[in-house]
Structures are given as structure tokens and as C-alpha cells.
């Protein structure tokens, strides 16, 4: 399988078409960024580490009943993935108040939440990824109600699985 044409490039990954219209090549680059992409640098080996970590997480989620896009690793920095239609939406689950939610709501940094908090954001760096709600998403046609229900349900399931996998017990 070979790259045909680059169709998207983000802060740390690039996506390429292949000869199969149902598959893409995802390249993990050594690029690093901070402050919503305003500060950039290169970190040798970052792409390879991220590719391996992504495969580990996707395999774990798949083994636990969560569908994902990964088909297989191709080499250190490239993975073959299913071609999907993307929603312009970020789903965020928080188990602790930290980062932007503390700035937005004036809450204590590191506060452990009583239950996981789910939020939607519009995936748009130029707008600063603004917080949006279900009504925005449906009204602007970014997704349908049943798709949102699945996003929320899957996000909570992934959060539960990753919390079990990554939480260090004392």
C-alpha cells in the first residue's frame, strides 16, 4: 500500500489517500505543538512512539467492543486506517477539572469530579475550538441526534475503559 495524495495535515499527523478508496494512510510526524499550535518544534522519535501507542490503545478498545479506524501498522510512523466521514466536533470527557474548564469556570485546578463530565467543542483552531451544545450541532447540521447519542455513549465507554487501563492504584 502506498501514499497517493495528502488530503489533510494537522499538528502531528497527516492523512493520505491510497489506491483503495476505503483506506487511508495515517502518518504520525515528529512535530510537537503547544498553546493551540502557536508554538511548534520537532521531537525525534515522537511519531514512532505515537503510532505504537495509538495501535496499543486501539487494539485494547477493539478487544473491549469499541469499533475504531485502525486496520494495521505499516511501519514505525504509518498506519493503515479505514476512510471515514469526520464530524467537525470534539468530544471531551473530564474526570478532573483542569486546563480550559478551570479558566472558563474559575474552578479549582485538579478537582476530582463527582462523575465524568462530557462536553462538545467545535473542531476549529481558528475559532479556538469553542464549546458548543447539542442544539448547535443539530441546528447547523454537523450531526444528527442519534449520532450524538452514539458519540456520548461511546465517549463514556472509552473513558471507563481507559480509566481502568491507565489508572494507577495505590
N, C-alpha and C. Protein backbone atom coordinates (compact mmCIF):
# COMPACT_ATOMS: atom_id res chain seq x y z
N UNK A 1 0.85 -1.18 0.00
CA UNK A 1 0.00 0.00 0.00
C UNK A 1 0.90 1.24 0.00
N UNK A 2 0.59 2.19 -0.89
CA UNK A 2 1.40 3.40 -0.99
C UNK A 2 0.55 4.65 -0.88
N UNK A 3 1.20 5.72 -0.42
CA UNK A 3 0.54 7.03 -0.36
C UNK A 3 0.29 7.52 -1.78
N UNK A 4 -0.90 8.07 -2.00
CA UNK A 4 -1.21 8.65 -3.30
C UNK A 4 -1.22 10.17 -3.20
N UNK A 5 -2.01 10.71 -2.27
CA UNK A 5 -2.14 12.17 -2.17
C UNK A 5 -2.44 12.55 -0.72
N UNK A 6 -1.76 13.59 -0.24
CA UNK A 6 -2.06 14.10 1.10
C UNK A 6 -3.40 14.83 1.05
N UNK A 7 -4.30 14.47 1.97
CA UNK A 7 -5.63 15.10 1.99
C UNK A 7 -5.86 15.93 3.25
N UNK A 8 -5.03 15.73 4.26
CA UNK A 8 -5.18 16.51 5.50
C UNK A 8 -3.87 16.46 6.27
N UNK A 9 -3.58 17.57 6.95
CA UNK A 9 -2.41 17.63 7.81
C UNK A 9 -2.79 18.45 9.04
N UNK A 10 -2.61 17.83 10.19
CA UNK A 10 -2.87 18.52 11.45
C UNK A 10 -1.57 18.88 12.13
N UNK A 11 -1.63 19.04 13.44
CA UNK A 11 -0.45 19.45 14.20
C UNK A 11 0.60 18.35 14.28
N UNK A 12 0.17 17.09 14.24
CA UNK A 12 1.13 15.99 14.44
C UNK A 12 0.90 14.80 13.51
N UNK A 13 -0.16 14.85 12.71
CA UNK A 13 -0.47 13.73 11.81
C UNK A 13 -0.81 14.27 10.42
N UNK A 14 -0.58 13.41 9.43
CA UNK A 14 -1.01 13.68 8.06
C UNK A 14 -1.79 12.47 7.56
N UNK A 15 -2.75 12.74 6.69
CA UNK A 15 -3.58 11.67 6.12
C UNK A 15 -3.37 11.65 4.60
N UNK A 16 -3.25 10.43 4.06
CA UNK A 16 -3.01 10.25 2.64
C UNK A 16 -4.00 9.25 2.06
N UNK A 17 -4.44 9.52 0.83
CA UNK A 17 -5.25 8.55 0.12
C UNK A 17 -4.36 7.39 -0.32
N UNK A 18 -5.02 6.28 -0.66
CA UNK A 18 -4.34 5.10 -1.19
C UNK A 18 -5.07 4.70 -2.47
N UNK A 19 -4.65 3.62 -3.06
CA UNK A 19 -5.36 3.11 -4.25
C UNK A 19 -6.71 2.52 -3.90
N UNK A 20 -6.96 2.27 -2.62
CA UNK A 20 -8.25 1.76 -2.15
C UNK A 20 -9.03 2.94 -1.57
N UNK A 21 -10.19 3.29 -2.15
CA UNK A 21 -10.94 4.45 -1.67
C UNK A 21 -11.48 4.31 -0.24
N UNK A 22 -11.46 3.09 0.30
CA UNK A 22 -11.97 2.86 1.65
C UNK A 22 -10.87 2.87 2.72
N UNK A 23 -9.62 3.09 2.29
CA UNK A 23 -8.50 3.07 3.23
C UNK A 23 -7.61 4.29 3.04
N UNK A 24 -7.05 4.75 4.15
CA UNK A 24 -6.12 5.87 4.16
C UNK A 24 -4.85 5.46 4.89
N UNK A 25 -3.79 6.19 4.64
CA UNK A 25 -2.56 6.04 5.42
C UNK A 25 -2.47 7.23 6.36
N UNK A 26 -2.31 6.92 7.64
CA UNK A 26 -2.15 7.95 8.67
C UNK A 26 -0.68 7.98 9.06
N UNK A 27 -0.06 9.14 8.89
CA UNK A 27 1.35 9.31 9.24
C UNK A 27 1.47 10.12 10.52
N UNK A 28 2.17 9.57 11.50
CA UNK A 28 2.46 10.28 12.74
C UNK A 28 3.82 10.96 12.55
N UNK A 29 3.82 12.29 12.60
CA UNK A 29 5.05 13.05 12.39
C UNK A 29 5.74 13.35 13.73
N UNK A 30 6.97 13.81 13.64
CA UNK A 30 7.75 14.17 14.82
C UNK A 30 7.45 15.59 15.30
N UNK A 31 6.44 16.22 14.73
CA UNK A 31 6.08 17.59 15.10
C UNK A 31 5.43 17.63 16.48
N UNK A 32 5.79 18.63 17.25
CA UNK A 32 5.19 18.86 18.56
C UNK A 32 4.66 20.29 18.58
N UNK A 33 3.55 20.49 19.28
CA UNK A 33 2.99 21.84 19.36
C UNK A 33 2.41 22.07 20.75
N UNK A 34 2.27 23.34 21.07
CA UNK A 34 1.66 23.74 22.34
C UNK A 34 0.89 25.03 22.11
N UNK A 35 0.04 25.37 23.07
CA UNK A 35 -0.75 26.61 23.00
C UNK A 35 -1.57 26.68 21.72
N UNK A 36 -2.36 25.62 21.48
CA UNK A 36 -3.22 25.53 20.29
C UNK A 36 -2.44 25.71 18.99
N UNK A 37 -1.24 25.14 18.94
CA UNK A 37 -0.44 25.15 17.73
C UNK A 37 0.39 26.40 17.52
N UNK A 38 0.36 27.32 18.46
CA UNK A 38 1.11 28.58 18.31
C UNK A 38 2.61 28.38 18.49
N UNK A 39 3.01 27.38 19.28
CA UNK A 39 4.42 27.07 19.47
C UNK A 39 4.67 25.69 18.88
N UNK A 40 5.67 25.60 18.00
CA UNK A 40 5.95 24.34 17.30
C UNK A 40 7.43 23.97 17.41
N UNK A 41 7.68 22.67 17.41
CA UNK A 41 9.05 22.15 17.43
C UNK A 41 9.02 20.74 16.86
N UNK A 42 10.20 20.17 16.63
CA UNK A 42 10.32 18.79 16.19
C UNK A 42 10.96 17.99 17.30
N UNK A 43 10.44 16.80 17.53
CA UNK A 43 10.93 15.93 18.59
C UNK A 43 11.21 14.56 17.97
N UNK A 44 12.49 14.24 17.80
CA UNK A 44 12.88 12.99 17.12
C UNK A 44 12.25 11.78 17.80
N UNK A 45 11.62 10.93 17.00
CA UNK A 45 11.02 9.70 17.50
C UNK A 45 9.59 9.83 17.99
N UNK A 46 9.08 11.05 18.08
CA UNK A 46 7.72 11.26 18.59
C UNK A 46 6.68 10.54 17.73
N UNK A 47 6.83 10.62 16.41
CA UNK A 47 5.88 9.98 15.51
C UNK A 47 5.81 8.48 15.72
N UNK A 48 6.97 7.84 15.88
CA UNK A 48 7.01 6.39 16.09
C UNK A 48 6.36 6.01 17.42
N UNK A 49 6.65 6.77 18.47
CA UNK A 49 6.05 6.49 19.78
C UNK A 49 4.53 6.64 19.70
N UNK A 50 4.07 7.72 19.08
CA UNK A 50 2.62 7.95 18.98
C UNK A 50 1.93 6.89 18.14
N UNK A 51 2.57 6.43 17.07
CA UNK A 51 1.99 5.39 16.24
C UNK A 51 1.83 4.09 17.04
N UNK A 52 2.87 3.71 17.78
CA UNK A 52 2.81 2.50 18.60
C UNK A 52 1.78 2.63 19.72
N UNK A 53 1.75 3.78 20.37
CA UNK A 53 0.79 3.99 21.46
C UNK A 53 -0.64 3.97 20.93
N UNK A 54 -0.86 4.61 19.78
CA UNK A 54 -2.18 4.61 19.17
C UNK A 54 -2.63 3.18 18.87
N UNK A 55 -1.74 2.38 18.31
CA UNK A 55 -2.09 0.98 17.99
C UNK A 55 -2.42 0.20 19.26
N UNK A 56 -1.65 0.41 20.33
CA UNK A 56 -1.91 -0.27 21.60
C UNK A 56 -3.30 0.08 22.12
N UNK A 57 -3.63 1.38 22.11
CA UNK A 57 -4.93 1.83 22.61
C UNK A 57 -6.06 1.31 21.73
N UNK A 58 -5.91 1.41 20.41
CA UNK A 58 -6.97 0.95 19.51
C UNK A 58 -7.19 -0.56 19.65
N UNK A 59 -6.12 -1.33 19.77
CA UNK A 59 -6.26 -2.78 19.98
C UNK A 59 -7.00 -3.06 21.29
N UNK A 60 -6.65 -2.35 22.34
CA UNK A 60 -7.31 -2.52 23.64
C UNK A 60 -8.79 -2.19 23.54
N UNK A 61 -9.11 -1.06 22.91
CA UNK A 61 -10.52 -0.67 22.77
C UNK A 61 -11.27 -1.69 21.92
N UNK A 62 -10.66 -2.13 20.82
CA UNK A 62 -11.29 -3.13 19.96
C UNK A 62 -11.56 -4.43 20.70
N UNK A 63 -10.60 -4.85 21.51
CA UNK A 63 -10.77 -6.07 22.31
C UNK A 63 -11.90 -5.93 23.33
N UNK A 64 -12.28 -4.69 23.62
CA UNK A 64 -13.34 -4.42 24.60
C UNK A 64 -14.61 -3.88 23.95
N UNK A 65 -14.79 -4.16 22.65
CA UNK A 65 -16.04 -3.88 21.98
C UNK A 65 -16.23 -2.49 21.40
N UNK A 66 -15.16 -1.71 21.31
CA UNK A 66 -15.27 -0.37 20.73
C UNK A 66 -14.72 -0.40 19.31
N UNK A 67 -15.56 -0.08 18.34
CA UNK A 67 -15.11 -0.01 16.95
C UNK A 67 -14.14 1.15 16.78
N UNK A 68 -13.16 0.97 15.90
CA UNK A 68 -12.18 2.02 15.64
C UNK A 68 -11.73 1.96 14.19
N UNK A 69 -10.86 2.89 13.82
CA UNK A 69 -10.45 3.06 12.43
C UNK A 69 -9.21 2.27 12.03
N UNK A 70 -8.43 1.79 12.99
CA UNK A 70 -7.14 1.17 12.69
C UNK A 70 -7.30 -0.20 12.02
N UNK A 71 -6.60 -0.37 10.92
CA UNK A 71 -6.54 -1.68 10.25
C UNK A 71 -5.26 -2.39 10.68
N UNK A 72 -4.10 -1.74 10.47
CA UNK A 72 -2.83 -2.30 10.92
C UNK A 72 -1.72 -1.25 10.85
N UNK A 73 -0.63 -1.55 11.58
CA UNK A 73 0.58 -0.73 11.48
C UNK A 73 1.30 -1.10 10.19
N UNK A 74 1.81 -0.10 9.51
CA UNK A 74 2.56 -0.35 8.28
C UNK A 74 4.07 -0.32 8.54
N UNK A 75 4.50 0.62 9.36
CA UNK A 75 5.90 0.76 9.76
C UNK A 75 5.94 1.61 11.02
N UNK A 76 7.10 2.16 11.35
CA UNK A 76 7.23 2.92 12.60
C UNK A 76 6.29 4.10 12.72
N UNK A 77 6.03 4.79 11.62
CA UNK A 77 5.26 6.04 11.71
C UNK A 77 3.98 6.04 10.88
N UNK A 78 3.65 4.94 10.24
CA UNK A 78 2.47 4.89 9.37
C UNK A 78 1.53 3.77 9.78
N UNK A 79 0.24 4.08 9.73
CA UNK A 79 -0.81 3.09 9.98
C UNK A 79 -1.82 3.13 8.84
N UNK A 80 -2.36 1.98 8.52
CA UNK A 80 -3.44 1.88 7.55
C UNK A 80 -4.75 1.96 8.33
N UNK A 81 -5.64 2.86 7.90
CA UNK A 81 -6.89 3.08 8.63
C UNK A 81 -8.06 3.10 7.65
N UNK A 82 -9.25 2.86 8.18
CA UNK A 82 -10.46 2.98 7.39
C UNK A 82 -10.71 4.45 7.07
N UNK A 83 -11.16 4.73 5.87
CA UNK A 83 -11.55 6.09 5.50
C UNK A 83 -12.94 6.36 6.07
N UNK A 84 -13.08 7.43 6.81
CA UNK A 84 -14.34 7.75 7.49
C UNK A 84 -14.75 9.18 7.21
N UNK A 85 -16.04 9.44 7.28
CA UNK A 85 -16.53 10.82 7.24
C UNK A 85 -16.40 11.38 8.65
N UNK A 86 -15.70 12.50 8.77
CA UNK A 86 -15.43 13.07 10.09
C UNK A 86 -16.46 14.15 10.44
N UNK A 87 -16.84 14.16 11.70
CA UNK A 87 -17.68 15.23 12.24
C UNK A 87 -16.76 16.38 12.65
N UNK A 88 -17.19 17.63 12.50
CA UNK A 88 -16.34 18.76 12.93
C UNK A 88 -16.49 19.02 14.43
N UNK A 89 -16.51 17.95 15.19
CA UNK A 89 -16.84 18.02 16.62
C UNK A 89 -15.77 17.27 17.42
N UNK A 90 -15.38 17.86 18.55
CA UNK A 90 -14.53 17.17 19.51
C UNK A 90 -15.38 16.78 20.70
N UNK A 91 -15.27 15.54 21.12
CA UNK A 91 -15.95 15.06 22.33
C UNK A 91 -14.91 14.99 23.44
N UNK A 92 -15.17 15.67 24.54
CA UNK A 92 -14.23 15.72 25.65
C UNK A 92 -14.91 15.17 26.90
N UNK A 93 -14.23 14.24 27.56
CA UNK A 93 -14.70 13.72 28.86
C UNK A 93 -13.67 14.13 29.89
N UNK A 94 -14.16 14.67 30.98
CA UNK A 94 -13.26 15.09 32.06
C UNK A 94 -13.61 14.32 33.33
N UNK A 95 -12.58 13.76 33.95
CA UNK A 95 -12.71 13.15 35.27
C UNK A 95 -12.22 14.10 36.36
N UNK A 96 -11.43 15.08 35.92
CA UNK A 96 -10.90 16.13 36.80
C UNK A 96 -11.10 17.47 36.10
N UNK A 97 -11.24 18.51 36.91
CA UNK A 97 -11.25 19.87 36.37
C UNK A 97 -9.80 20.32 36.24
N UNK A 98 -9.38 20.57 35.02
CA UNK A 98 -8.04 21.08 34.77
C UNK A 98 -8.03 21.75 33.41
N UNK A 99 -7.09 22.64 33.18
CA UNK A 99 -6.96 23.29 31.89
C UNK A 99 -8.06 24.29 31.61
N UNK A 100 -8.62 24.19 30.40
CA UNK A 100 -9.55 25.21 29.91
C UNK A 100 -10.82 25.32 30.74
N UNK A 101 -11.29 24.23 31.32
CA UNK A 101 -12.52 24.33 32.11
C UNK A 101 -12.30 25.16 33.37
N UNK A 102 -11.10 25.10 33.92
CA UNK A 102 -10.79 25.92 35.10
C UNK A 102 -10.75 27.40 34.72
N UNK A 103 -10.16 27.70 33.58
CA UNK A 103 -10.14 29.10 33.11
C UNK A 103 -11.55 29.58 32.78
N UNK A 104 -12.33 28.71 32.16
CA UNK A 104 -13.68 29.08 31.73
C UNK A 104 -14.63 29.27 32.91
N UNK A 105 -14.53 28.40 33.92
CA UNK A 105 -15.50 28.41 35.02
C UNK A 105 -14.92 28.86 36.35
N UNK A 106 -13.61 29.11 36.39
CA UNK A 106 -12.99 29.55 37.63
C UNK A 106 -12.94 28.49 38.70
N UNK A 107 -12.88 27.23 38.29
CA UNK A 107 -12.86 26.13 39.25
C UNK A 107 -11.43 25.81 39.68
N UNK A 108 -11.33 25.07 40.76
CA UNK A 108 -10.03 24.65 41.30
C UNK A 108 -9.37 23.66 40.34
N UNK A 109 -8.10 23.91 40.02
CA UNK A 109 -7.36 23.01 39.15
C UNK A 109 -7.10 21.69 39.87
N UNK A 110 -7.41 20.58 39.20
CA UNK A 110 -7.18 19.26 39.77
C UNK A 110 -8.36 18.68 40.53
N UNK A 111 -9.44 19.45 40.64
CA UNK A 111 -10.62 18.99 41.36
C UNK A 111 -11.14 17.69 40.73
N UNK A 112 -11.29 16.64 41.53
CA UNK A 112 -11.85 15.38 41.04
C UNK A 112 -13.37 15.54 40.98
N UNK A 113 -13.94 15.28 39.81
CA UNK A 113 -15.38 15.48 39.60
C UNK A 113 -16.17 14.29 40.15
N UNK A 114 -17.38 14.57 40.61
CA UNK A 114 -18.24 13.52 41.16
C UNK A 114 -18.58 12.45 40.13
N UNK A 115 -18.73 12.86 38.88
CA UNK A 115 -18.94 11.91 37.78
C UNK A 115 -18.32 12.53 36.54
N UNK A 116 -17.96 11.70 35.55
CA UNK A 116 -17.34 12.24 34.35
C UNK A 116 -18.22 13.30 33.68
N UNK A 117 -17.58 14.38 33.25
CA UNK A 117 -18.27 15.50 32.60
C UNK A 117 -18.01 15.42 31.10
N UNK A 118 -19.08 15.41 30.31
CA UNK A 118 -18.98 15.34 28.85
C UNK A 118 -19.22 16.72 28.26
N UNK A 119 -18.39 17.11 27.28
CA UNK A 119 -18.57 18.38 26.58
C UNK A 119 -18.32 18.20 25.09
N UNK A 120 -19.01 19.01 24.28
CA UNK A 120 -18.77 19.10 22.84
C UNK A 120 -18.02 20.40 22.55
N UNK A 121 -17.07 20.33 21.60
CA UNK A 121 -16.38 21.52 21.11
C UNK A 121 -16.39 21.46 19.59
N UNK A 122 -16.50 22.64 18.95
CA UNK A 122 -16.37 22.71 17.50
C UNK A 122 -14.90 22.59 17.17
N UNK A 123 -14.56 21.66 16.30
CA UNK A 123 -13.16 21.43 15.94
C UNK A 123 -12.75 22.48 14.92
N UNK A 124 -12.24 23.60 15.43
CA UNK A 124 -11.84 24.71 14.57
C UNK A 124 -10.79 25.54 15.30
N UNK A 125 -9.51 25.31 14.98
CA UNK A 125 -8.42 26.02 15.66
C UNK A 125 -8.52 27.53 15.49
N UNK A 126 -8.95 27.98 14.31
CA UNK A 126 -9.05 29.42 14.07
C UNK A 126 -10.04 30.09 15.02
N UNK A 127 -11.06 29.36 15.45
CA UNK A 127 -12.05 29.89 16.39
C UNK A 127 -11.72 29.53 17.84
N UNK A 128 -10.61 28.81 18.04
CA UNK A 128 -10.24 28.41 19.40
C UNK A 128 -11.04 27.24 19.92
N UNK A 129 -11.56 26.39 19.02
CA UNK A 129 -12.34 25.21 19.42
C UNK A 129 -13.42 25.56 20.45
N UNK A 130 -14.40 26.38 20.05
CA UNK A 130 -15.39 26.84 21.04
C UNK A 130 -16.30 25.72 21.56
N UNK A 131 -16.71 25.88 22.82
CA UNK A 131 -17.68 24.99 23.44
C UNK A 131 -19.01 25.15 22.71
N UNK A 132 -19.62 24.02 22.36
CA UNK A 132 -20.93 24.04 21.69
C UNK A 132 -21.84 23.04 22.40
N UNK A 133 -23.12 23.10 22.08
CA UNK A 133 -24.05 22.14 22.69
C UNK A 133 -24.82 21.39 21.60
N UNK A 134 -25.64 20.48 22.04
CA UNK A 134 -26.41 19.61 21.15
C UNK A 134 -27.25 20.42 20.17
N UNK A 135 -27.87 21.50 20.65
CA UNK A 135 -28.71 22.32 19.77
C UNK A 135 -27.89 22.96 18.66
N UNK A 136 -26.69 23.45 18.97
CA UNK A 136 -25.82 24.00 17.92
C UNK A 136 -25.55 22.93 16.86
N UNK A 137 -25.17 21.75 17.32
CA UNK A 137 -24.74 20.68 16.42
C UNK A 137 -25.87 20.27 15.48
N UNK A 138 -27.06 20.06 16.02
CA UNK A 138 -28.20 19.64 15.19
C UNK A 138 -28.65 20.79 14.29
N UNK A 139 -28.74 21.99 14.83
CA UNK A 139 -29.23 23.15 14.05
C UNK A 139 -28.32 23.46 12.86
N UNK A 140 -27.01 23.33 13.05
CA UNK A 140 -26.08 23.62 11.96
C UNK A 140 -25.82 22.41 11.07
N UNK A 141 -26.43 21.27 11.39
CA UNK A 141 -26.32 20.09 10.55
C UNK A 141 -24.99 19.36 10.66
N UNK A 142 -24.27 19.56 11.75
CA UNK A 142 -22.98 18.89 11.92
C UNK A 142 -23.15 17.42 12.27
N UNK A 143 -24.25 17.07 12.92
CA UNK A 143 -24.56 15.68 13.25
C UNK A 143 -26.03 15.60 13.62
N UNK A 144 -26.57 14.38 13.59
CA UNK A 144 -27.97 14.14 13.94
C UNK A 144 -28.06 13.67 15.40
N UNK A 145 -29.26 13.74 15.95
CA UNK A 145 -29.47 13.36 17.35
C UNK A 145 -28.98 11.94 17.66
N UNK A 146 -29.30 10.98 16.78
CA UNK A 146 -28.88 9.60 17.06
C UNK A 146 -27.36 9.47 17.00
N UNK A 147 -26.71 10.24 16.13
CA UNK A 147 -25.25 10.22 16.07
C UNK A 147 -24.65 10.81 17.34
N UNK A 148 -25.27 11.87 17.85
CA UNK A 148 -24.81 12.47 19.10
C UNK A 148 -24.96 11.51 20.27
N UNK A 149 -26.09 10.79 20.30
CA UNK A 149 -26.29 9.79 21.36
C UNK A 149 -25.17 8.75 21.33
N UNK A 150 -24.80 8.32 20.12
CA UNK A 150 -23.73 7.33 19.99
C UNK A 150 -22.38 7.92 20.40
N UNK A 151 -22.12 9.19 20.02
CA UNK A 151 -20.87 9.84 20.43
C UNK A 151 -20.75 9.90 21.94
N UNK A 152 -21.83 10.28 22.60
CA UNK A 152 -21.82 10.40 24.06
C UNK A 152 -21.63 9.03 24.70
N UNK A 153 -22.39 8.05 24.24
CA UNK A 153 -22.29 6.69 24.80
C UNK A 153 -20.89 6.11 24.60
N UNK A 154 -20.37 6.23 23.39
CA UNK A 154 -19.04 5.69 23.10
C UNK A 154 -17.97 6.42 23.90
N UNK A 155 -18.09 7.73 24.02
CA UNK A 155 -17.11 8.51 24.80
C UNK A 155 -17.08 8.05 26.25
N UNK A 156 -18.24 7.83 26.83
CA UNK A 156 -18.28 7.35 28.22
C UNK A 156 -17.69 5.94 28.34
N UNK A 157 -17.97 5.08 27.36
CA UNK A 157 -17.42 3.72 27.40
C UNK A 157 -15.89 3.76 27.28
N UNK A 158 -15.38 4.58 26.35
CA UNK A 158 -13.93 4.71 26.18
C UNK A 158 -13.30 5.28 27.45
N UNK A 159 -13.93 6.27 28.05
CA UNK A 159 -13.41 6.85 29.29
C UNK A 159 -13.32 5.79 30.39
N UNK A 160 -14.36 4.99 30.51
CA UNK A 160 -14.37 3.93 31.53
C UNK A 160 -13.25 2.92 31.28
N UNK A 161 -13.09 2.50 30.02
CA UNK A 161 -12.05 1.52 29.69
C UNK A 161 -10.65 2.09 29.90
N UNK A 162 -10.42 3.32 29.43
CA UNK A 162 -9.08 3.90 29.57
C UNK A 162 -8.76 4.23 31.01
N UNK A 163 -9.77 4.62 31.78
CA UNK A 163 -9.54 4.87 33.20
C UNK A 163 -9.08 3.59 33.89
N UNK A 164 -9.73 2.48 33.57
CA UNK A 164 -9.32 1.19 34.16
C UNK A 164 -7.92 0.80 33.71
N UNK A 165 -7.60 1.05 32.45
CA UNK A 165 -6.29 0.68 31.91
C UNK A 165 -5.17 1.53 32.49
N UNK A 166 -5.40 2.83 32.59
CA UNK A 166 -4.31 3.75 32.90
C UNK A 166 -4.25 4.22 34.35
N UNK A 167 -5.30 4.01 35.10
CA UNK A 167 -5.33 4.50 36.48
C UNK A 167 -4.36 3.70 37.34
N UNK A 168 -3.48 4.42 38.02
CA UNK A 168 -2.52 3.78 38.91
C UNK A 168 -3.17 3.61 40.27
N UNK A 169 -3.24 2.39 40.73
CA UNK A 169 -3.83 2.09 42.03
C UNK A 169 -2.73 2.16 43.09
N UNK A 170 -3.03 2.82 44.19
CA UNK A 170 -2.04 2.91 45.28
C UNK A 170 -2.35 1.92 46.37
